[in-house]
């Protein structure tokens, strides 16, 4: 069974977006870019970070739903409790208890 990776509308997976974000951050940290390029990279990094956060939120929701479904199936259904009458004592030939 092949495991699918969540993807954005544009087809970028979390792993792809994270790799691009790391590359963008590394390029910015090196500082060998013009101000215009740094501004463009910063905007792209913000977009990639948002994409990663969205994909993580979706994955967390899916995990929560799977966990709830599993717990619901794993827990035995509680049977309704019927009222139980107290046991009756047998006092022999007398119907009334001793005084």
N, C-alpha and C. Protein backbone atom coordinates (compact mmCIF):
# COMPACT_ATOMS: atom_id res chain seq x y z
N UNK A 1 0.85 -1.19 0.00
CA UNK A 1 0.00 0.00 0.00
C UNK A 1 0.89 1.24 0.00
N UNK A 2 0.71 2.11 -0.97
CA UNK A 2 1.53 3.30 -1.09
C UNK A 2 1.00 4.40 -0.21
N UNK A 3 1.90 5.02 0.55
CA UNK A 3 1.51 6.11 1.44
C UNK A 3 1.55 7.41 0.67
N UNK A 4 0.48 8.19 0.73
CA UNK A 4 0.42 9.44 0.01
C UNK A 4 0.84 10.58 0.91
N UNK A 5 1.53 11.54 0.32
CA UNK A 5 1.98 12.72 1.02
C UNK A 5 0.97 13.83 0.76
N UNK A 6 0.50 14.53 1.83
CA UNK A 6 -0.43 15.64 1.60
C UNK A 6 0.21 16.69 0.69
N UNK A 7 -0.56 17.24 -0.23
CA UNK A 7 -0.04 18.24 -1.14
C UNK A 7 -0.96 19.46 -1.18
N UNK A 8 -0.38 20.59 -1.51
CA UNK A 8 -1.16 21.81 -1.64
C UNK A 8 -1.88 21.78 -2.97
N UNK A 9 -2.66 22.83 -3.23
CA UNK A 9 -3.39 22.92 -4.47
C UNK A 9 -2.45 22.92 -5.68
N UNK A 10 -1.27 23.48 -5.50
CA UNK A 10 -0.30 23.54 -6.60
C UNK A 10 0.52 22.26 -6.70
N UNK A 11 0.30 21.30 -5.84
CA UNK A 11 0.99 20.03 -5.93
C UNK A 11 2.28 19.93 -5.15
N UNK A 12 2.59 20.90 -4.30
CA UNK A 12 3.80 20.84 -3.50
C UNK A 12 3.54 20.05 -2.23
N UNK A 13 4.36 19.03 -2.00
CA UNK A 13 4.22 18.26 -0.77
C UNK A 13 4.88 19.01 0.38
N UNK A 14 4.60 18.56 1.60
CA UNK A 14 5.22 19.17 2.77
C UNK A 14 6.74 19.09 2.68
N UNK A 15 7.23 17.91 2.30
CA UNK A 15 8.68 17.72 2.22
C UNK A 15 9.32 18.64 1.19
N UNK A 16 8.64 18.83 0.06
CA UNK A 16 9.16 19.73 -0.97
C UNK A 16 9.16 21.17 -0.48
N UNK A 17 8.06 21.58 0.14
CA UNK A 17 7.96 22.96 0.64
C UNK A 17 9.00 23.21 1.72
N UNK A 18 9.20 22.24 2.61
CA UNK A 18 10.19 22.41 3.68
C UNK A 18 11.60 22.49 3.11
N UNK A 19 11.91 21.67 2.12
CA UNK A 19 13.24 21.72 1.49
C UNK A 19 13.46 23.08 0.82
N UNK A 20 12.43 23.59 0.13
CA UNK A 20 12.55 24.90 -0.51
C UNK A 20 12.70 26.01 0.53
N UNK A 21 11.97 25.87 1.65
CA UNK A 21 12.08 26.87 2.72
C UNK A 21 13.49 26.87 3.30
N UNK A 22 14.04 25.70 3.55
CA UNK A 22 15.41 25.61 4.09
C UNK A 22 16.42 26.24 3.13
N UNK A 23 16.24 25.96 1.85
CA UNK A 23 17.13 26.52 0.83
C UNK A 23 17.02 28.04 0.80
N UNK A 24 15.80 28.54 0.90
CA UNK A 24 15.57 29.99 0.89
C UNK A 24 16.22 30.64 2.11
N UNK A 25 16.04 30.04 3.27
CA UNK A 25 16.64 30.58 4.50
C UNK A 25 18.16 30.58 4.39
N UNK A 26 18.71 29.48 3.88
CA UNK A 26 20.16 29.39 3.73
C UNK A 26 20.69 30.49 2.81
N UNK A 27 19.99 30.72 1.70
CA UNK A 27 20.40 31.76 0.77
C UNK A 27 20.36 33.13 1.43
N UNK A 28 19.30 33.38 2.21
CA UNK A 28 19.19 34.67 2.91
C UNK A 28 20.29 34.82 3.97
N UNK A 29 20.60 33.74 4.67
CA UNK A 29 21.61 33.80 5.72
C UNK A 29 23.01 34.05 5.14
N UNK A 30 23.25 33.55 3.94
CA UNK A 30 24.56 33.78 3.31
C UNK A 30 24.77 35.25 3.00
N UNK A 31 23.69 35.96 2.70
CA UNK A 31 23.76 37.40 2.49
C UNK A 31 24.37 37.84 1.19
N UNK A 32 24.52 36.96 0.24
CA UNK A 32 25.14 37.32 -1.05
C UNK A 32 24.10 37.67 -2.10
N UNK A 33 23.01 38.30 -1.69
CA UNK A 33 21.95 38.67 -2.63
C UNK A 33 21.65 40.15 -2.50
N UNK A 34 21.09 40.70 -3.57
CA UNK A 34 20.72 42.11 -3.54
C UNK A 34 19.52 42.30 -2.63
N UNK A 35 19.25 43.54 -2.32
CA UNK A 35 18.09 43.86 -1.48
C UNK A 35 16.80 43.41 -2.14
N UNK A 36 16.70 43.64 -3.44
CA UNK A 36 15.49 43.22 -4.17
C UNK A 36 15.33 41.69 -4.10
N UNK A 37 16.42 40.97 -4.32
CA UNK A 37 16.36 39.50 -4.28
C UNK A 37 16.06 39.03 -2.86
N UNK A 38 16.63 39.67 -1.86
CA UNK A 38 16.37 39.30 -0.47
C UNK A 38 14.89 39.51 -0.13
N UNK A 39 14.32 40.60 -0.62
CA UNK A 39 12.91 40.87 -0.39
C UNK A 39 12.04 39.81 -1.05
N UNK A 40 12.39 39.45 -2.29
CA UNK A 40 11.65 38.41 -3.00
C UNK A 40 11.78 37.06 -2.27
N UNK A 41 12.98 36.74 -1.82
CA UNK A 41 13.20 35.48 -1.11
C UNK A 41 12.45 35.46 0.23
N UNK A 42 12.41 36.61 0.89
CA UNK A 42 11.68 36.69 2.15
C UNK A 42 10.19 36.43 1.94
N UNK A 43 9.63 37.02 0.89
CA UNK A 43 8.22 36.79 0.58
C UNK A 43 7.98 35.32 0.22
N UNK A 44 8.87 34.76 -0.55
CA UNK A 44 8.75 33.34 -0.92
C UNK A 44 8.87 32.46 0.32
N UNK A 45 9.78 32.78 1.21
CA UNK A 45 9.94 32.02 2.45
C UNK A 45 8.69 32.07 3.31
N UNK A 46 8.06 33.24 3.38
CA UNK A 46 6.82 33.38 4.15
C UNK A 46 5.72 32.53 3.54
N UNK A 47 5.65 32.50 2.21
CA UNK A 47 4.66 31.68 1.52
C UNK A 47 4.91 30.19 1.78
N UNK A 48 6.16 29.79 1.72
CA UNK A 48 6.51 28.39 1.98
C UNK A 48 6.22 28.00 3.43
N UNK A 49 6.52 28.90 4.36
CA UNK A 49 6.23 28.62 5.77
C UNK A 49 4.73 28.46 5.99
N UNK A 50 3.94 29.30 5.35
CA UNK A 50 2.48 29.21 5.45
C UNK A 50 2.00 27.87 4.87
N UNK A 51 2.58 27.48 3.74
CA UNK A 51 2.23 26.19 3.12
C UNK A 51 2.54 25.04 4.06
N UNK A 52 3.72 25.07 4.66
CA UNK A 52 4.11 24.02 5.61
C UNK A 52 3.15 23.98 6.80
N UNK A 53 2.83 25.15 7.34
CA UNK A 53 1.90 25.19 8.48
C UNK A 53 0.53 24.66 8.11
N UNK A 54 0.03 25.01 6.92
CA UNK A 54 -1.27 24.51 6.47
C UNK A 54 -1.26 22.99 6.33
N UNK A 55 -0.21 22.47 5.72
CA UNK A 55 -0.11 21.02 5.53
C UNK A 55 0.00 20.29 6.87
N UNK A 56 0.75 20.87 7.81
CA UNK A 56 0.85 20.27 9.14
C UNK A 56 -0.49 20.28 9.85
N UNK A 57 -1.22 21.37 9.73
CA UNK A 57 -2.54 21.46 10.38
C UNK A 57 -3.48 20.41 9.81
N UNK A 58 -3.46 20.22 8.50
CA UNK A 58 -4.30 19.20 7.87
C UNK A 58 -3.91 17.81 8.35
N UNK A 59 -2.62 17.55 8.43
CA UNK A 59 -2.15 16.24 8.88
C UNK A 59 -2.54 16.00 10.34
N UNK A 60 -2.42 17.02 11.18
CA UNK A 60 -2.82 16.88 12.59
C UNK A 60 -4.30 16.58 12.71
N UNK A 61 -5.11 17.22 11.89
CA UNK A 61 -6.55 16.97 11.90
C UNK A 61 -6.84 15.52 11.49
N UNK A 62 -6.15 15.05 10.47
CA UNK A 62 -6.35 13.67 10.03
C UNK A 62 -5.93 12.68 11.12
N UNK A 63 -4.83 12.95 11.79
CA UNK A 63 -4.37 12.08 12.86
C UNK A 63 -5.38 12.07 14.00
N UNK A 64 -5.91 13.23 14.34
CA UNK A 64 -6.92 13.31 15.40
C UNK A 64 -8.17 12.53 15.03
N UNK A 65 -8.59 12.62 13.78
CA UNK A 65 -9.78 11.88 13.34
C UNK A 65 -9.54 10.38 13.38
N UNK A 66 -8.37 9.95 12.94
CA UNK A 66 -8.04 8.52 12.98
C UNK A 66 -8.00 8.04 14.42
N UNK A 67 -7.40 8.83 15.30
CA UNK A 67 -7.31 8.46 16.72
C UNK A 67 -8.70 8.33 17.34
N UNK A 68 -9.58 9.31 17.06
CA UNK A 68 -10.95 9.25 17.59
C UNK A 68 -11.69 8.03 17.07
N UNK A 69 -11.56 7.77 15.77
CA UNK A 69 -12.22 6.59 15.19
C UNK A 69 -11.70 5.30 15.81
N UNK A 70 -10.41 5.23 16.02
CA UNK A 70 -9.82 4.04 16.62
C UNK A 70 -10.32 3.85 18.05
N UNK A 71 -10.32 4.93 18.82
CA UNK A 71 -10.78 4.84 20.20
C UNK A 71 -12.24 4.45 20.27
N UNK A 72 -13.05 4.98 19.37
CA UNK A 72 -14.48 4.65 19.36
C UNK A 72 -14.69 3.18 19.04
N UNK A 73 -13.86 2.63 18.16
CA UNK A 73 -13.99 1.22 17.80
C UNK A 73 -13.40 0.32 18.87
N UNK A 74 -12.37 0.79 19.57
CA UNK A 74 -11.68 -0.04 20.56
C UNK A 74 -12.44 -0.13 21.87
N UNK A 75 -13.20 0.92 22.20
CA UNK A 75 -13.93 0.91 23.46
C UNK A 75 -15.20 0.08 23.32
N UNK A 76 -15.41 -0.88 24.24
CA UNK A 76 -16.63 -1.67 24.14
C UNK A 76 -17.84 -0.79 24.43
N UNK A 77 -18.90 -1.09 23.74
CA UNK A 77 -20.13 -0.32 23.96
C UNK A 77 -20.65 -0.64 25.35
N UNK A 78 -20.99 0.39 26.08
CA UNK A 78 -21.50 0.18 27.43
C UNK A 78 -22.93 -0.33 27.35
N UNK A 79 -23.17 -1.40 28.10
CA UNK A 79 -24.53 -1.93 28.15
C UNK A 79 -25.31 -1.15 29.18
N UNK A 80 -26.58 -0.90 28.90
CA UNK A 80 -27.37 -0.15 29.89
C UNK A 80 -27.47 -0.93 31.19
N UNK A 81 -27.35 -0.20 32.28
CA UNK A 81 -27.44 -0.81 33.60
C UNK A 81 -28.90 -0.93 34.01
N UNK A 82 -29.33 -2.14 34.26
CA UNK A 82 -30.69 -2.36 34.72
C UNK A 82 -30.69 -2.31 36.24
N UNK A 83 -31.73 -1.75 36.83
CA UNK A 83 -31.78 -1.71 38.29
C UNK A 83 -31.87 -3.14 38.83
N UNK A 84 -31.11 -3.38 39.86
CA UNK A 84 -31.08 -4.71 40.47
C UNK A 84 -31.81 -4.64 41.80
N UNK A 85 -32.77 -5.53 41.98
CA UNK A 85 -33.51 -5.58 43.25
C UNK A 85 -32.61 -6.22 44.30
N UNK A 86 -32.70 -5.75 45.55
CA UNK A 86 -31.87 -6.37 46.59
C UNK A 86 -32.32 -7.82 46.81
N UNK A 87 -31.39 -8.67 47.16
CA UNK A 87 -31.76 -10.07 47.37
C UNK A 87 -32.77 -10.18 48.51
N UNK A 88 -33.71 -11.09 48.35
CA UNK A 88 -34.71 -11.30 49.39
C UNK A 88 -34.21 -12.37 50.35
N UNK A 89 -34.46 -12.12 51.60
CA UNK A 89 -34.04 -13.09 52.61
C UNK A 89 -35.19 -14.05 52.89
N UNK A 90 -34.84 -15.27 53.14
CA UNK A 90 -35.84 -16.29 53.47
C UNK A 90 -35.84 -16.45 54.99
N UNK A 91 -36.95 -16.11 55.64
CA UNK A 91 -37.05 -16.21 57.10
C UNK A 91 -37.79 -17.47 57.52
N UNK A 92 -37.75 -18.40 56.70
CA UNK A 92 -38.42 -19.66 57.07
C UNK A 92 -39.90 -19.57 56.80
N UNK A 93 -40.66 -20.07 57.78
CA UNK A 93 -42.08 -20.11 57.55
C UNK A 93 -42.76 -18.77 57.80
N UNK A 94 -42.03 -17.80 58.28
CA UNK A 94 -42.60 -16.47 58.53
C UNK A 94 -42.29 -15.55 57.35
N UNK A 95 -43.28 -14.78 56.99
CA UNK A 95 -43.05 -13.83 55.91
C UNK A 95 -42.43 -12.54 56.43
N UNK A 96 -42.63 -12.25 57.72
CA UNK A 96 -42.10 -11.04 58.28
C UNK A 96 -40.74 -11.31 58.89
N UNK A 97 -39.83 -10.34 58.81
CA UNK A 97 -38.52 -10.53 59.44
C UNK A 97 -38.67 -10.53 60.96
N UNK A 98 -37.73 -11.14 61.66
CA UNK A 98 -37.79 -11.15 63.12
C UNK A 98 -37.72 -9.74 63.68
N UNK A 99 -38.35 -9.58 64.85
CA UNK A 99 -38.38 -8.25 65.48
C UNK A 99 -37.33 -8.08 66.51
